[in-house]
PDB file of N, CA and C in Angstrom:
ATOM      1  N   UNK A   1     -15.975  49.240  37.906  1.00  0.00           N
ATOM      2  CA  UNK A   1     -16.946  48.838  36.909  1.00  0.00           C
ATOM      3  C   UNK A   1     -18.305  48.730  37.559  1.00  0.00           C
ATOM      4  N   UNK A   2     -19.250  49.142  36.844  1.00  0.00           N
ATOM      5  CA  UNK A   2     -20.608  49.039  37.356  1.00  0.00           C
ATOM      6  C   UNK A   2     -21.226  47.723  36.900  1.00  0.00           C
ATOM      7  N   UNK A   3     -22.344  47.398  37.475  1.00  0.00           N
ATOM      8  CA  UNK A   3     -23.049  46.166  37.127  1.00  0.00           C
ATOM      9  C   UNK A   3     -23.508  46.229  35.676  1.00  0.00           C
ATOM     10  N   UNK A   4     -23.910  47.421  35.256  1.00  0.00           N
ATOM     11  CA  UNK A   4     -24.409  47.586  33.893  1.00  0.00           C
ATOM     12  C   UNK A   4     -23.303  47.341  32.870  1.00  0.00           C
ATOM     13  N   UNK A   5     -22.106  47.879  33.124  1.00  0.00           N
ATOM     14  CA  UNK A   5     -21.019  47.687  32.168  1.00  0.00           C
ATOM     15  C   UNK A   5     -20.502  46.253  32.212  1.00  0.00           C
ATOM     16  N   UNK A   6     -20.543  45.600  33.369  1.00  0.00           N
ATOM     17  CA  UNK A   6     -20.128  44.208  33.464  1.00  0.00           C
ATOM     18  C   UNK A   6     -21.090  43.319  32.688  1.00  0.00           C
ATOM     19  N   UNK A   7     -22.369  43.594  32.780  1.00  0.00           N
ATOM     20  CA  UNK A   7     -23.372  42.826  32.043  1.00  0.00           C
ATOM     21  C   UNK A   7     -23.209  42.990  30.544  1.00  0.00           C
ATOM     22  N   UNK A   8     -22.931  44.199  30.096  1.00  0.00           N
ATOM     23  CA  UNK A   8     -22.777  44.421  28.660  1.00  0.00           C
ATOM     24  C   UNK A   8     -21.495  43.765  28.148  1.00  0.00           C
ATOM     25  N   UNK A   9     -20.439  43.724  28.981  1.00  0.00           N
ATOM     26  CA  UNK A   9     -19.196  43.067  28.584  1.00  0.00           C
ATOM     27  C   UNK A   9     -19.418  41.562  28.480  1.00  0.00           C
ATOM     28  N   UNK A  10     -20.124  41.003  29.446  1.00  0.00           N
ATOM     29  CA  UNK A  10     -20.399  39.574  29.416  1.00  0.00           C
ATOM     30  C   UNK A  10     -21.265  39.216  28.203  1.00  0.00           C
ATOM     31  N   UNK A  11     -22.242  40.061  27.900  1.00  0.00           N
ATOM     32  CA  UNK A  11     -23.098  39.818  26.739  1.00  0.00           C
ATOM     33  C   UNK A  11     -22.287  39.914  25.454  1.00  0.00           C
ATOM     34  N   UNK A  12     -21.392  40.877  25.396  1.00  0.00           N
ATOM     35  CA  UNK A  12     -20.550  41.033  24.206  1.00  0.00           C
ATOM     36  C   UNK A  12     -19.640  39.819  24.026  1.00  0.00           C
ATOM     37  N   UNK A  13     -19.127  39.285  25.133  1.00  0.00           N
ATOM     38  CA  UNK A  13     -18.274  38.110  25.055  1.00  0.00           C
ATOM     39  C   UNK A  13     -19.076  36.885  24.605  1.00  0.00           C
ATOM     40  N   UNK A  14     -20.324  36.759  25.121  1.00  0.00           N
ATOM     41  CA  UNK A  14     -21.175  35.648  24.695  1.00  0.00           C
ATOM     42  C   UNK A  14     -21.513  35.775  23.211  1.00  0.00           C
ATOM     43  N   UNK A  15     -21.809  37.003  22.781  1.00  0.00           N
ATOM     44  CA  UNK A  15     -22.122  37.228  21.369  1.00  0.00           C
ATOM     45  C   UNK A  15     -20.918  36.883  20.482  1.00  0.00           C
ATOM     46  N   UNK A  16     -19.733  37.287  20.922  1.00  0.00           N
ATOM     47  CA  UNK A  16     -18.523  36.999  20.147  1.00  0.00           C
ATOM     48  C   UNK A  16     -18.279  35.488  20.101  1.00  0.00           C
ATOM     49  N   UNK A  17     -18.482  34.803  21.237  1.00  0.00           N
ATOM     50  CA  UNK A  17     -18.297  33.354  21.263  1.00  0.00           C
ATOM     51  C   UNK A  17     -19.301  32.667  20.340  1.00  0.00           C
ATOM     52  N   UNK A  18     -20.539  33.177  20.324  1.00  0.00           N
ATOM     53  CA  UNK A  18     -21.550  32.605  19.435  1.00  0.00           C
ATOM     54  C   UNK A  18     -21.173  32.834  17.972  1.00  0.00           C
ATOM     55  N   UNK A  19     -20.650  34.031  17.669  1.00  0.00           N
ATOM     56  CA  UNK A  19     -20.217  34.323  16.303  1.00  0.00           C
ATOM     57  C   UNK A  19     -19.045  33.437  15.892  1.00  0.00           C
ATOM     58  N   UNK A  20     -18.101  33.239  16.812  1.00  0.00           N
ATOM     59  CA  UNK A  20     -16.949  32.385  16.509  1.00  0.00           C
ATOM     60  C   UNK A  20     -17.378  30.932  16.302  1.00  0.00           C
ATOM     61  N   UNK A  21     -18.337  30.488  17.097  1.00  0.00           N
ATOM     62  CA  UNK A  21     -18.842  29.118  16.928  1.00  0.00           C
ATOM     63  C   UNK A  21     -19.541  28.968  15.572  1.00  0.00           C
ATOM     64  N   UNK A  22     -20.357  29.953  15.223  1.00  0.00           N
ATOM     65  CA  UNK A  22     -21.024  29.914  13.915  1.00  0.00           C
ATOM     66  C   UNK A  22     -19.995  29.976  12.785  1.00  0.00           C
ATOM     67  N   UNK A  23     -18.957  30.771  12.973  1.00  0.00           N
ATOM     68  CA  UNK A  23     -17.901  30.868  11.968  1.00  0.00           C
ATOM     69  C   UNK A  23     -17.209  29.527  11.769  1.00  0.00           C
ATOM     70  N   UNK A  24     -16.885  28.837  12.849  1.00  0.00           N
ATOM     71  CA  UNK A  24     -16.203  27.550  12.701  1.00  0.00           C
ATOM     72  C   UNK A  24     -17.115  26.506  12.052  1.00  0.00           C
ATOM     73  N   UNK A  25     -18.407  26.552  12.379  1.00  0.00           N
ATOM     74  CA  UNK A  25     -19.361  25.624  11.753  1.00  0.00           C
ATOM     75  C   UNK A  25     -19.496  25.911  10.262  1.00  0.00           C
ATOM     76  N   UNK A  26     -19.633  27.181   9.914  1.00  0.00           N
ATOM     77  CA  UNK A  26     -19.784  27.547   8.504  1.00  0.00           C
ATOM     78  C   UNK A  26     -18.502  27.315   7.715  1.00  0.00           C
ATOM     79  N   UNK A  27     -17.358  27.525   8.360  1.00  0.00           N
ATOM     80  CA  UNK A  27     -16.086  27.305   7.667  1.00  0.00           C
ATOM     81  C   UNK A  27     -15.923  25.830   7.302  1.00  0.00           C
ATOM     82  N   UNK A  28     -16.341  24.955   8.197  1.00  0.00           N
ATOM     83  CA  UNK A  28     -16.267  23.523   7.895  1.00  0.00           C
ATOM     84  C   UNK A  28     -17.222  23.163   6.755  1.00  0.00           C
ATOM     85  N   UNK A  29     -18.401  23.766   6.757  1.00  0.00           N
ATOM     86  CA  UNK A  29     -19.373  23.491   5.691  1.00  0.00           C
ATOM     87  C   UNK A  29     -18.913  24.085   4.358  1.00  0.00           C
ATOM     88  N   UNK A  30     -18.218  25.207   4.401  1.00  0.00           N
ATOM     89  CA  UNK A  30     -17.764  25.865   3.166  1.00  0.00           C
ATOM     90  C   UNK A  30     -16.625  25.102   2.490  1.00  0.00           C
ATOM     91  N   UNK A  31     -15.933  24.263   3.232  1.00  0.00           N
ATOM     92  CA  UNK A  31     -14.833  23.495   2.633  1.00  0.00           C
ATOM     93  C   UNK A  31     -15.344  22.413   1.686  1.00  0.00           C
ATOM     94  N   UNK A  32     -16.572  21.971   1.905  1.00  0.00           N
ATOM     95  CA  UNK A  32     -17.153  20.941   1.029  1.00  0.00           C
ATOM     96  C   UNK A  32     -17.778  21.637  -0.169  1.00  0.00           C
ATOM     97  N   UNK A  33     -17.131  21.540  -1.315  1.00  0.00           N
ATOM     98  CA  UNK A  33     -17.615  22.193  -2.535  1.00  0.00           C
ATOM     99  C   UNK A  33     -18.182  21.140  -3.476  1.00  0.00           C
ATOM    100  N   UNK A  34     -19.411  20.716  -3.230  1.00  0.00           N
ATOM    101  CA  UNK A  34     -20.052  19.686  -4.051  1.00  0.00           C
ATOM    102  C   UNK A  34     -20.279  20.164  -5.480  1.00  0.00           C
ATOM    103  N   UNK A  35     -20.488  21.458  -5.662  1.00  0.00           N
ATOM    104  CA  UNK A  35     -20.809  21.949  -6.999  1.00  0.00           C
ATOM    105  C   UNK A  35     -19.667  21.688  -7.975  1.00  0.00           C
ATOM    106  N   UNK A  36     -18.437  21.762  -7.508  1.00  0.00           N
ATOM    107  CA  UNK A  36     -17.286  21.528  -8.385  1.00  0.00           C
ATOM    108  C   UNK A  36     -17.293  20.086  -8.885  1.00  0.00           C
ATOM    109  N   UNK A  37     -17.540  19.148  -7.996  1.00  0.00           N
ATOM    110  CA  UNK A  37     -17.598  17.739  -8.389  1.00  0.00           C
ATOM    111  C   UNK A  37     -18.739  17.474  -9.369  1.00  0.00           C
ATOM    112  N   UNK A  38     -19.884  18.117  -9.121  1.00  0.00           N
ATOM    113  CA  UNK A  38     -21.027  17.900  -9.997  1.00  0.00           C
ATOM    114  C   UNK A  38     -20.808  18.527 -11.372  1.00  0.00           C
ATOM    115  N   UNK A  39     -20.162  19.695 -11.420  1.00  0.00           N
ATOM    116  CA  UNK A  39     -19.845  20.300 -12.718  1.00  0.00           C
ATOM    117  C   UNK A  39     -18.855  19.422 -13.492  1.00  0.00           C
ATOM    118  N   UNK A  40     -17.884  18.864 -12.793  1.00  0.00           N
ATOM    119  CA  UNK A  40     -16.925  17.978 -13.446  1.00  0.00           C
ATOM    120  C   UNK A  40     -17.629  16.747 -13.997  1.00  0.00           C
ATOM    121  N   UNK A  41     -18.510  16.174 -13.199  1.00  0.00           N
ATOM    122  CA  UNK A  41     -19.259  14.999 -13.654  1.00  0.00           C
ATOM    123  C   UNK A  41     -20.090  15.332 -14.890  1.00  0.00           C
ATOM    124  N   UNK A  42     -20.757  16.488 -14.872  1.00  0.00           N
ATOM    125  CA  UNK A  42     -21.569  16.893 -16.020  1.00  0.00           C
ATOM    126  C   UNK A  42     -20.705  17.101 -17.258  1.00  0.00           C
ATOM    127  N   UNK A  43     -19.516  17.673 -17.089  1.00  0.00           N
ATOM    128  CA  UNK A  43     -18.628  17.914 -18.232  1.00  0.00           C
ATOM    129  C   UNK A  43     -18.120  16.598 -18.826  1.00  0.00           C
ATOM    130  N   UNK A  44     -17.726  15.683 -17.975  1.00  0.00           N
ATOM    131  CA  UNK A  44     -17.223  14.388 -18.466  1.00  0.00           C
ATOM    132  C   UNK A  44     -18.341  13.611 -19.157  1.00  0.00           C
ATOM    133  N   UNK A  45     -19.518  13.606 -18.551  1.00  0.00           N
ATOM    134  CA  UNK A  45     -20.636  12.899 -19.176  1.00  0.00           C
ATOM    135  C   UNK A  45     -21.059  13.568 -20.476  1.00  0.00           C
ATOM    136  N   UNK A  46     -20.992  14.880 -20.536  1.00  0.00           N
ATOM    137  CA  UNK A  46     -21.312  15.581 -21.777  1.00  0.00           C
ATOM    138  C   UNK A  46     -20.329  15.235 -22.880  1.00  0.00           C
ATOM    139  N   UNK A  47     -19.063  15.148 -22.535  1.00  0.00           N
ATOM    140  CA  UNK A  47     -18.055  14.756 -23.524  1.00  0.00           C
ATOM    141  C   UNK A  47     -18.293  13.324 -24.002  1.00  0.00           C
ATOM    142  N   UNK A  48     -18.544  12.419 -23.062  1.00  0.00           N
ATOM    143  CA  UNK A  48     -18.819  11.017 -23.442  1.00  0.00           C
ATOM    144  C   UNK A  48     -20.075  10.922 -24.285  1.00  0.00           C
ATOM    145  N   UNK A  49     -21.082  11.734 -23.962  1.00  0.00           N
ATOM    146  CA  UNK A  49     -22.301  11.758 -24.770  1.00  0.00           C
ATOM    147  C   UNK A  49     -21.996  12.176 -26.204  1.00  0.00           C
ATOM    148  N   UNK A  50     -21.175  13.218 -26.361  1.00  0.00           N
ATOM    149  CA  UNK A  50     -20.845  13.699 -27.706  1.00  0.00           C
ATOM    150  C   UNK A  50     -20.096  12.633 -28.501  1.00  0.00           C
ATOM    151  N   UNK A  51     -19.150  11.970 -27.870  1.00  0.00           N
ATOM    152  CA  UNK A  51     -18.389  10.920 -28.562  1.00  0.00           C
ATOM    153  C   UNK A  51     -19.305   9.762 -28.942  1.00  0.00           C
ATOM    154  N   UNK A  52     -20.128   9.332 -28.010  1.00  0.00           N
ATOM    155  CA  UNK A  52     -21.027   8.215 -28.276  1.00  0.00           C
ATOM    156  C   UNK A  52     -22.090   8.575 -29.314  1.00  0.00           C
ATOM    157  N   UNK A  53     -22.517   9.827 -29.338  1.00  0.00           N
ATOM    158  CA  UNK A  53     -23.453  10.265 -30.382  1.00  0.00           C
ATOM    159  C   UNK A  53     -22.802  10.165 -31.755  1.00  0.00           C
ATOM    160  N   UNK A  54     -21.534  10.528 -31.825  1.00  0.00           N
ATOM    161  CA  UNK A  54     -20.812  10.393 -33.083  1.00  0.00           C
ATOM    162  C   UNK A  54     -20.695   8.943 -33.526  1.00  0.00           C
ATOM    163  N   UNK A  55     -20.429   8.063 -32.584  1.00  0.00           N
ATOM    164  CA  UNK A  55     -20.331   6.633 -32.902  1.00  0.00           C
ATOM    165  C   UNK A  55     -21.682   6.113 -33.398  1.00  0.00           C
ATOM    166  N   UNK A  56     -22.758   6.489 -32.704  1.00  0.00           N
ATOM    167  CA  UNK A  56     -24.094   6.039 -33.118  1.00  0.00           C
ATOM    168  C   UNK A  56     -24.454   6.601 -34.491  1.00  0.00           C
ATOM    169  N   UNK A  57     -24.139   7.858 -34.726  1.00  0.00           N
ATOM    170  CA  UNK A  57     -24.406   8.458 -36.028  1.00  0.00           C
ATOM    171  C   UNK A  57     -23.633   7.764 -37.139  1.00  0.00           C
ATOM    172  N   UNK A  58     -22.395   7.454 -36.878  1.00  0.00           N
ATOM    173  CA  UNK A  58     -21.568   6.764 -37.874  1.00  0.00           C
ATOM    174  C   UNK A  58     -22.111   5.365 -38.138  1.00  0.00           C
ATOM    175  N   UNK A  59     -22.563   4.684 -37.098  1.00  0.00           N
ATOM    176  CA  UNK A  59     -23.160   3.356 -37.289  1.00  0.00           C
ATOM    177  C   UNK A  59     -24.384   3.429 -38.199  1.00  0.00           C
ATOM    178  N   UNK A  60     -25.232   4.408 -37.964  1.00  0.00           N
ATOM    179  CA  UNK A  60     -26.432   4.540 -38.788  1.00  0.00           C
ATOM    180  C   UNK A  60     -26.086   4.937 -40.226  1.00  0.00           C
ATOM    181  N   UNK A  61     -25.131   5.810 -40.376  1.00  0.00           N
ATOM    182  CA  UNK A  61     -24.764   6.320 -41.703  1.00  0.00           C
ATOM    183  C   UNK A  61     -24.127   5.237 -42.569  1.00  0.00           C
ATOM    184  N   UNK A  62     -23.283   4.430 -41.962  1.00  0.00           N
ATOM    185  CA  UNK A  62     -22.514   3.447 -42.732  1.00  0.00           C
ATOM    186  C   UNK A  62     -23.204   2.092 -42.887  1.00  0.00           C
ATOM    187  N   UNK A  63     -24.286   1.839 -42.188  1.00  0.00           N
ATOM    188  CA  UNK A  63     -24.917   0.518 -42.214  1.00  0.00           C
ATOM    189  C   UNK A  63     -26.189   0.544 -43.058  1.00  0.00           C
ATOM    190  N   UNK A  64     -26.378  -0.541 -43.806  1.00  0.00           N
ATOM    191  CA  UNK A  64     -27.627  -0.666 -44.554  1.00  0.00           C
ATOM    192  C   UNK A  64     -28.771  -0.988 -43.587  1.00  0.00           C
ATOM    193  N   UNK A  65     -28.497  -1.900 -42.679  1.00  0.00           N
ATOM    194  CA  UNK A  65     -29.448  -2.240 -41.625  1.00  0.00           C
ATOM    195  C   UNK A  65     -28.875  -1.757 -40.303  1.00  0.00           C
ATOM    196  N   UNK A  66     -29.746  -1.393 -39.411  1.00  0.00           N
ATOM    197  CA  UNK A  66     -29.291  -0.936 -38.093  1.00  0.00           C
ATOM    198  C   UNK A  66     -28.678  -2.111 -37.346  1.00  0.00           C
ATOM    199  N   UNK A  67     -27.408  -1.981 -36.916  1.00  0.00           N
ATOM    200  CA  UNK A  67     -26.782  -3.075 -36.162  1.00  0.00           C
ATOM    201  C   UNK A  67     -27.497  -3.299 -34.827  1.00  0.00           C
ATOM    202  N   UNK A  68     -27.432  -4.518 -34.337  1.00  0.00           N
ATOM    203  CA  UNK A  68     -28.106  -4.843 -33.076  1.00  0.00           C
ATOM    204  C   UNK A  68     -27.514  -4.089 -31.885  1.00  0.00           C
ATOM    205  N   UNK A  69     -26.220  -3.838 -31.910  1.00  0.00           N
ATOM    206  CA  UNK A  69     -25.608  -3.156 -30.771  1.00  0.00           C
ATOM    207  C   UNK A  69     -25.813  -1.640 -30.816  1.00  0.00           C
ATOM    208  N   UNK A  70     -26.477  -1.145 -31.864  1.00  0.00           N
ATOM    209  CA  UNK A  70     -26.796   0.282 -31.923  1.00  0.00           C
ATOM    210  C   UNK A  70     -27.778   0.663 -30.823  1.00  0.00           C
ATOM    211  N   UNK A  71     -28.794  -0.155 -30.578  1.00  0.00           N
ATOM    212  CA  UNK A  71     -29.835   0.203 -29.624  1.00  0.00           C
ATOM    213  C   UNK A  71     -29.330   0.307 -28.192  1.00  0.00           C
ATOM    214  N   UNK A  72     -28.495  -0.608 -27.715  1.00  0.00           N
ATOM    215  CA  UNK A  72     -27.931  -0.382 -26.362  1.00  0.00           C
ATOM    216  C   UNK A  72     -27.040   0.859 -26.303  1.00  0.00           C
ATOM    217  N   UNK A  73     -26.301   1.112 -27.387  1.00  0.00           N
ATOM    218  CA  UNK A  73     -25.463   2.316 -27.413  1.00  0.00           C
ATOM    219  C   UNK A  73     -26.317   3.576 -27.409  1.00  0.00           C
ATOM    220  N   UNK A  74     -27.414   3.555 -28.166  1.00  0.00           N
ATOM    221  CA  UNK A  74     -28.309   4.717 -28.195  1.00  0.00           C
ATOM    222  C   UNK A  74     -28.945   4.944 -26.823  1.00  0.00           C
ATOM    223  N   UNK A  75     -29.318   3.858 -26.156  1.00  0.00           N
ATOM    224  CA  UNK A  75     -29.882   3.979 -24.808  1.00  0.00           C
ATOM    225  C   UNK A  75     -28.856   4.564 -23.842  1.00  0.00           C
ATOM    226  N   UNK A  76     -27.627   4.060 -23.922  1.00  0.00           N
ATOM    227  CA  UNK A  76     -26.556   4.600 -23.078  1.00  0.00           C
ATOM    228  C   UNK A  76     -26.321   6.072 -23.378  1.00  0.00           C
ATOM    229  N   UNK A  77     -26.401   6.447 -24.638  1.00  0.00           N
ATOM    230  CA  UNK A  77     -26.213   7.830 -25.044  1.00  0.00           C
ATOM    231  C   UNK A  77     -27.275   8.735 -24.428  1.00  0.00           C
ATOM    232  N   UNK A  78     -28.521   8.298 -24.468  1.00  0.00           N
ATOM    233  CA  UNK A  78     -29.613   9.082 -23.878  1.00  0.00           C
ATOM    234  C   UNK A  78     -29.447   9.177 -22.367  1.00  0.00           C
ATOM    235  N   UNK A  79     -29.052   8.071 -21.736  1.00  0.00           N
ATOM    236  CA  UNK A  79     -28.853   8.087 -20.280  1.00  0.00           C
ATOM    237  C   UNK A  79     -27.705   9.022 -19.878  1.00  0.00           C
ATOM    238  N   UNK A  80     -26.646   9.042 -20.681  1.00  0.00           N
ATOM    239  CA  UNK A  80     -25.526   9.959 -20.396  1.00  0.00           C
ATOM    240  C   UNK A  80     -25.975  11.415 -20.494  1.00  0.00           C
ATOM    241  N   UNK A  81     -26.748  11.717 -21.514  1.00  0.00           N
ATOM    242  CA  UNK A  81     -27.239  13.086 -21.676  1.00  0.00           C
ATOM    243  C   UNK A  81     -28.151  13.473 -20.515  1.00  0.00           C
ATOM    244  N   UNK A  82     -29.047  12.572 -20.134  1.00  0.00           N
ATOM    245  CA  UNK A  82     -29.963  12.849 -19.027  1.00  0.00           C
ATOM    246  C   UNK A  82     -29.196  13.065 -17.720  1.00  0.00           C
ATOM    247  N   UNK A  83     -28.226  12.206 -17.439  1.00  0.00           N
ATOM    248  CA  UNK A  83     -27.482  12.332 -16.187  1.00  0.00           C
ATOM    249  C   UNK A  83     -26.590  13.572 -16.192  1.00  0.00           C
ATOM    250  N   UNK A  84     -26.047  13.932 -17.340  1.00  0.00           N
ATOM    251  CA  UNK A  84     -25.236  15.150 -17.422  1.00  0.00           C
ATOM    252  C   UNK A  84     -26.095  16.383 -17.130  1.00  0.00           C
ATOM    253  N   UNK A  85     -27.296  16.419 -17.698  1.00  0.00           N
ATOM    254  CA  UNK A  85     -28.191  17.552 -17.438  1.00  0.00           C
ATOM    255  C   UNK A  85     -28.614  17.593 -15.972  1.00  0.00           C
ATOM    256  N   UNK A  86     -28.884  16.426 -15.410  1.00  0.00           N
ATOM    257  CA  UNK A  86     -29.269  16.358 -13.994  1.00  0.00           C
ATOM    258  C   UNK A  86     -28.133  16.807 -13.089  1.00  0.00           C
ATOM    259  N   UNK A  87     -26.913  16.394 -13.389  1.00  0.00           N
ATOM    260  CA  UNK A  87     -25.748  16.801 -12.591  1.00  0.00           C
ATOM    261  C   UNK A  87     -25.514  18.298 -12.693  1.00  0.00           C
ATOM    262  N   UNK A  88     -25.699  18.837 -13.879  1.00  0.00           N
ATOM    263  CA  UNK A  88     -25.493  20.282 -14.062  1.00  0.00           C
ATOM    264  C   UNK A  88     -26.529  21.080 -13.262  1.00  0.00           C
ATOM    265  N   UNK A  89     -27.787  20.633 -13.280  1.00  0.00           N
ATOM    266  CA  UNK A  89     -28.818  21.325 -12.501  1.00  0.00           C
ATOM    267  C   UNK A  89     -28.531  21.242 -11.009  1.00  0.00           C
ATOM    268  N   UNK A  90     -28.124  20.074 -10.528  1.00  0.00           N
ATOM    269  CA  UNK A  90     -27.783  19.936  -9.100  1.00  0.00           C
ATOM    270  C   UNK A  90     -26.584  20.796  -8.741  1.00  0.00           C
ATOM    271  N   UNK A  91     -25.622  20.913  -9.660  1.00  0.00           N
ATOM    272  CA  UNK A  91     -24.459  21.762  -9.416  1.00  0.00           C
ATOM    273  C   UNK A  91     -24.875  23.222  -9.308  1.00  0.00           C
ATOM    274  N   UNK A  92     -25.818  23.649 -10.140  1.00  0.00           N
ATOM    275  CA  UNK A  92     -26.307  25.026 -10.070  1.00  0.00           C
ATOM    276  C   UNK A  92     -26.948  25.306  -8.712  1.00  0.00           C
ATOM    277  N   UNK A  93     -27.769  24.377  -8.233  1.00  0.00           N
ATOM    278  CA  UNK A  93     -28.428  24.547  -6.930  1.00  0.00           C
ATOM    279  C   UNK A  93     -27.390  24.589  -5.815  1.00  0.00           C
ATOM    280  N   UNK A  94     -26.426  23.678  -5.866  1.00  0.00           N
ATOM    281  CA  UNK A  94     -25.376  23.657  -4.839  1.00  0.00           C
ATOM    282  C   UNK A  94     -24.537  24.918  -4.884  1.00  0.00           C
ATOM    283  N   UNK A  95     -24.260  25.426  -6.067  1.00  0.00           N
ATOM    284  CA  UNK A  95     -23.461  26.647  -6.177  1.00  0.00           C
ATOM    285  C   UNK A  95     -24.187  27.825  -5.545  1.00  0.00           C
ATOM    286  N   UNK A  96     -25.478  27.937  -5.772  1.00  0.00           N
ATOM    287  CA  UNK A  96     -26.243  29.022  -5.143  1.00  0.00           C
ATOM    288  C   UNK A  96     -26.178  28.926  -3.620  1.00  0.00           C
ATOM    289  N   UNK A  97     -26.317  27.710  -3.092  1.00  0.00           N
ATOM    290  CA  UNK A  97     -26.242  27.518  -1.639  1.00  0.00           C
ATOM    291  C   UNK A  97     -24.845  27.853  -1.120  1.00  0.00           C
ATOM    292  N   UNK A  98     -23.827  27.460  -1.872  1.00  0.00           N
ATOM    293  CA  UNK A  98     -22.454  27.752  -1.455  1.00  0.00           C
ATOM    294  C   UNK A  98     -22.172  29.248  -1.472  1.00  0.00           C
ATOM    295  N   UNK A  99     -22.746  29.970  -2.421  1.00  0.00           N
ATOM    296  CA  UNK A  99     -22.547  31.422  -2.465  1.00  0.00           C
ATOM    297  C   UNK A  99     -23.214  32.112  -1.282  1.00  0.00           C
ATOM    298  N   UNK A 100     -24.383  31.649  -0.889  1.00  0.00           N
ATOM    299  CA  UNK A 100     -25.058  32.204   0.294  1.00  0.00           C
ATOM    300  C   UNK A 100     -24.226  31.913   1.539  1.00  0.00           C
ATOM    301  N   UNK A 101     -23.723  30.703   1.643  1.00  0.00           N
ATOM    302  CA  UNK A 101     -22.889  30.310   2.775  1.00  0.00           C
ATOM    303  C   UNK A 101     -21.610  31.150   2.820  1.00  0.00           C
ATOM    304  N   UNK A 102     -21.003  31.364   1.664  1.00  0.00           N
ATOM    305  CA  UNK A 102     -19.767  32.152   1.604  1.00  0.00           C
ATOM    306  C   UNK A 102     -20.025  33.614   1.979  1.00  0.00           C
ATOM    307  N   UNK A 103     -21.169  34.148   1.573  1.00  0.00           N
ATOM    308  CA  UNK A 103     -21.506  35.528   1.939  1.00  0.00           C
ATOM    309  C   UNK A 103     -21.660  35.661   3.452  1.00  0.00           C
ATOM    310  N   UNK A 104     -22.328  34.700   4.068  1.00  0.00           N
ATOM    311  CA  UNK A 104     -22.485  34.733   5.530  1.00  0.00           C
ATOM    312  C   UNK A 104     -21.136  34.562   6.225  1.00  0.00           C
ATOM    313  N   UNK A 105     -20.282  33.730   5.665  1.00  0.00           N
ATOM    314  CA  UNK A 105     -18.949  33.519   6.223  1.00  0.00           C
ATOM    315  C   UNK A 105     -18.147  34.819   6.183  1.00  0.00           C
ATOM    316  N   UNK A 106     -18.202  35.521   5.072  1.00  0.00           N
ATOM    317  CA  UNK A 106     -17.491  36.809   4.960  1.00  0.00           C
ATOM    318  C   UNK A 106     -18.063  37.836   5.929  1.00  0.00           C
ATOM    319  N   UNK A 107     -19.384  37.818   6.089  1.00  0.00           N
ATOM    320  CA  UNK A 107     -20.026  38.737   7.020  1.00  0.00           C
ATOM    321  C   UNK A 107     -19.555  38.472   8.452  1.00  0.00           C
ATOM    322  N   UNK A 108     -19.482  37.208   8.818  1.00  0.00           N
ATOM    323  CA  UNK A 108     -19.009  36.861  10.169  1.00  0.00           C
ATOM    324  C   UNK A 108     -17.546  37.241  10.367  1.00  0.00           C
ATOM    325  N   UNK A 109     -16.731  36.986   9.368  1.00  0.00           N
ATOM    326  CA  UNK A 109     -15.294  37.336   9.486  1.00  0.00           C
ATOM    327  C   UNK A 109     -15.124  38.846   9.631  1.00  0.00           C
ATOM    328  N   UNK A 110     -15.942  39.587   8.926  1.00  0.00           N
ATOM    329  CA  UNK A 110     -15.870  41.036   9.028  1.00  0.00           C
ATOM    330  C   UNK A 110     -16.347  41.516  10.404  1.00  0.00           C
ATOM    331  N   UNK A 111     -17.437  40.887  10.916  1.00  0.00           N
ATOM    332  CA  UNK A 111     -17.970  41.280  12.233  1.00  0.00           C
ATOM    333  C   UNK A 111     -16.978  40.942  13.353  1.00  0.00           C
ATOM    334  N   UNK A 112     -16.218  39.875  13.178  1.00  0.00           N
ATOM    335  CA  UNK A 112     -15.248  39.502  14.198  1.00  0.00           C
ATOM    336  C   UNK A 112     -13.919  40.240  14.049  1.00  0.00           C
ATOM    337  N   UNK A 113     -13.780  40.990  12.971  1.00  0.00           N
ATOM    338  CA  UNK A 113     -12.552  41.753  12.758  1.00  0.00           C
ATOM    339  C   UNK A 113     -11.426  40.925  12.201  1.00  0.00           C
ATOM    340  N   UNK A 114     -11.733  39.765  11.622  1.00  0.00           N
ATOM    341  CA  UNK A 114     -10.700  38.908  11.042  1.00  0.00           C
ATOM    342  C   UNK A 114     -10.262  39.472   9.703  1.00  0.00           C
ATOM    343  N   UNK A 115     -11.237  39.880   8.898  1.00  0.00           N
ATOM    344  CA  UNK A 115     -10.936  40.499   7.605  1.00  0.00           C
ATOM    345  C   UNK A 115     -11.166  42.001   7.716  1.00  0.00           C
ATOM    346  N   UNK A 116     -10.325  42.767   7.046  1.00  0.00           N
ATOM    347  CA  UNK A 116     -10.518  44.230   7.123  1.00  0.00           C
ATOM    348  C   UNK A 116     -11.729  44.686   6.346  1.00  0.00           C
TER     349      UNK A 116
END
């Protein structure tokens, strides 16, 4: 072996080790799927918002005067809608980041010959 081929082999091994290290770091980060939790939270809050909106609507429809407990329920209803929309937007942002991370992970697996 010549010095030139030994140097290129050592560089290739360092590059492979760096790729494997990046792969293990990204694989650990890819296991945390925050977007799924945020979508679930948005769905549950959206459902609760719909039910509570129905309750508030029924209270207004059936009452001659607005009941006192309508206003806290209406406030809770608005807060549920706001938080559901906020969770959905955060889930969208997290999903985009997770897709970029997953693309890089697939690229690394392909470069290392793990996936065909």
